Amino acid sequence: MGHFAYTGVDAKGKTVRGTVDADDVKGVRQTLRRQGVFLDDATPLAQGAVDAKARAVASAAAERLAVGSR
């Protein structure tokens, strides 16, 4: 299974971006449709990019927690 970055449009016409795990672009489209998002573009991510993004998200969450608990 791969990891993809995507850009799509939700039911309100708002542009949405994110990442999703899927076998291929067809799988990305199916996953997003179930969430009410229409796929515009999907790009496979290298494993290193996925790991870096996960670290960045975890770091940002820890920082928000630290600021919120002061």
C-alpha atoms as a PDB file:
ATOM      1  CA  MET A   1       0.000   0.000   0.000  1.00  0.00           C
ATOM      2  CA  GLY A   2       1.266   3.477  -0.838  1.00  0.00           C
ATOM      3  CA  HIS A   3       0.816   6.879   0.656  1.00  0.00           C
ATOM      4  CA  PHE A   4      -0.536   9.713  -1.498  1.00  0.00           C
ATOM      5  CA  ALA A   5      -0.821  13.474  -1.142  1.00  0.00           C
ATOM      6  CA  TYR A   6      -4.075  14.731  -2.639  1.00  0.00           C
ATOM      7  CA  THR A   7      -5.967  17.864  -3.554  1.00  0.00           C
ATOM      8  CA  GLY A   8      -9.717  17.713  -3.926  1.00  0.00           C
ATOM      9  CA  VAL A   9     -12.988  19.575  -3.553  1.00  0.00           C
ATOM     10  CA  ASP A  10     -15.563  18.911  -0.842  1.00  0.00           C
ATOM     11  CA  ALA A  11     -19.345  19.108  -1.203  1.00  0.00           C
ATOM     12  CA  LYS A  12     -19.290  22.824  -0.318  1.00  0.00           C
ATOM     13  CA  GLY A  13     -16.800  23.571  -3.096  1.00  0.00           C
ATOM     14  CA  LYS A  14     -13.908  24.129  -0.684  1.00  0.00           C
ATOM     15  CA  THR A  15     -10.449  22.960  -1.751  1.00  0.00           C
ATOM     16  CA  VAL A  16      -9.076  20.323   0.606  1.00  0.00           C
ATOM     17  CA  ARG A  17      -5.594  18.840   0.838  1.00  0.00           C
ATOM     18  CA  GLY A  18      -4.225  15.908   2.756  1.00  0.00           C
ATOM     19  CA  THR A  19      -2.699  12.466   2.628  1.00  0.00           C
ATOM     20  CA  VAL A  20      -4.243   9.035   2.398  1.00  0.00           C
ATOM     21  CA  ASP A  21      -3.089   5.404   2.238  1.00  0.00           C
ATOM     22  CA  ALA A  22      -4.182   3.513  -0.873  1.00  0.00           C
ATOM     23  CA  ASP A  23      -2.915   0.946  -3.367  1.00  0.00           C
ATOM     24  CA  ASP A  24      -3.231   3.311  -6.321  1.00  0.00           C
ATOM     25  CA  VAL A  25      -4.924   6.523  -7.508  1.00  0.00           C
ATOM     26  CA  LYS A  26      -8.186   4.643  -8.037  1.00  0.00           C
ATOM     27  CA  GLY A  27      -8.078   3.657  -4.349  1.00  0.00           C
ATOM     28  CA  VAL A  28      -7.420   7.283  -3.384  1.00  0.00           C
ATOM     29  CA  ARG A  29     -10.462   8.366  -5.404  1.00  0.00           C
ATOM     30  CA  GLN A  30     -12.676   5.698  -3.797  1.00  0.00           C
ATOM     31  CA  THR A  31     -11.537   6.565  -0.266  1.00  0.00           C
ATOM     32  CA  LEU A  32     -12.117  10.278  -0.780  1.00  0.00           C
ATOM     33  CA  ARG A  33     -15.526   9.756  -2.397  1.00  0.00           C
ATOM     34  CA  ARG A  34     -16.663   7.932   0.742  1.00  0.00           C
ATOM     35  CA  GLN A  35     -15.609  11.071   2.642  1.00  0.00           C
ATOM     36  CA  GLY A  36     -17.503  13.358   0.247  1.00  0.00           C
ATOM     37  CA  VAL A  37     -14.363  14.684  -1.460  1.00  0.00           C
ATOM     38  CA  PHE A  38     -13.906  14.759  -5.226  1.00  0.00           C
ATOM     39  CA  LEU A  39     -10.298  14.099  -6.202  1.00  0.00           C
ATOM     40  CA  ASP A  40      -8.482  16.716  -8.264  1.00  0.00           C
ATOM     41  CA  ASP A  41      -4.888  15.450  -8.016  1.00  0.00           C
ATOM     42  CA  ALA A  42      -3.002  12.654  -6.243  1.00  0.00           C
ATOM     43  CA  THR A  43       0.767  12.265  -5.969  1.00  0.00           C
ATOM     44  CA  PRO A  44       2.548   9.233  -4.489  1.00  0.00           C
ATOM     45  CA  LEU A  45       4.816  10.100  -1.562  1.00  0.00           C
ATOM     46  CA  ALA A  46       8.172   8.506  -0.851  1.00  0.00           C
ATOM     47  CA  GLN A  47       8.400   6.729   2.507  1.00  0.00           C
ATOM     48  CA  GLY A  48      10.891   9.321   3.779  1.00  0.00           C
ATOM     49  CA  ALA A  49       8.384  12.104   3.076  1.00  0.00           C
ATOM     50  CA  VAL A  50       5.702  10.224   5.001  1.00  0.00           C
ATOM     51  CA  ASP A  51       8.008   9.765   8.002  1.00  0.00           C
ATOM     52  CA  ALA A  52       9.021  13.447   7.951  1.00  0.00           C
ATOM     53  CA  LYS A  53       5.385  14.557   7.815  1.00  0.00           C
ATOM     54  CA  ALA A  54       4.475  12.274  10.724  1.00  0.00           C
ATOM     55  CA  ARG A  55       7.315  13.740  12.801  1.00  0.00           C
ATOM     56  CA  ALA A  56       6.216  17.294  11.941  1.00  0.00           C
ATOM     57  CA  VAL A  57       2.603  16.577  12.930  1.00  0.00           C
ATOM     58  CA  ALA A  58       3.687  14.961  16.210  1.00  0.00           C
ATOM     59  CA  SER A  59       5.988  17.876  16.970  1.00  0.00           C
ATOM     60  CA  ALA A  60       3.248  20.447  16.282  1.00  0.00           C
ATOM     61  CA  ALA A  61       0.805  18.539  18.500  1.00  0.00           C
ATOM     62  CA  ALA A  62       3.336  18.406  21.330  1.00  0.00           C
ATOM     63  CA  GLU A  63       3.983  22.145  20.987  1.00  0.00           C
ATOM     64  CA  ARG A  64       0.239  22.946  21.127  1.00  0.00           C
ATOM     65  CA  LEU A  65      -0.087  20.781  24.224  1.00  0.00           C
ATOM     66  CA  ALA A  66       2.848  22.526  25.903  1.00  0.00           C
ATOM     67  CA  VAL A  67       1.459  25.989  25.112  1.00  0.00           C
ATOM     68  CA  GLY A  68      -2.058  25.020  26.166  1.00  0.00           C
ATOM     69  CA  SER A  69      -0.928  23.649  29.515  1.00  0.00           C
ATOM     70  CA  ARG A  70       0.969  26.763  30.633  1.00  0.00           C
END
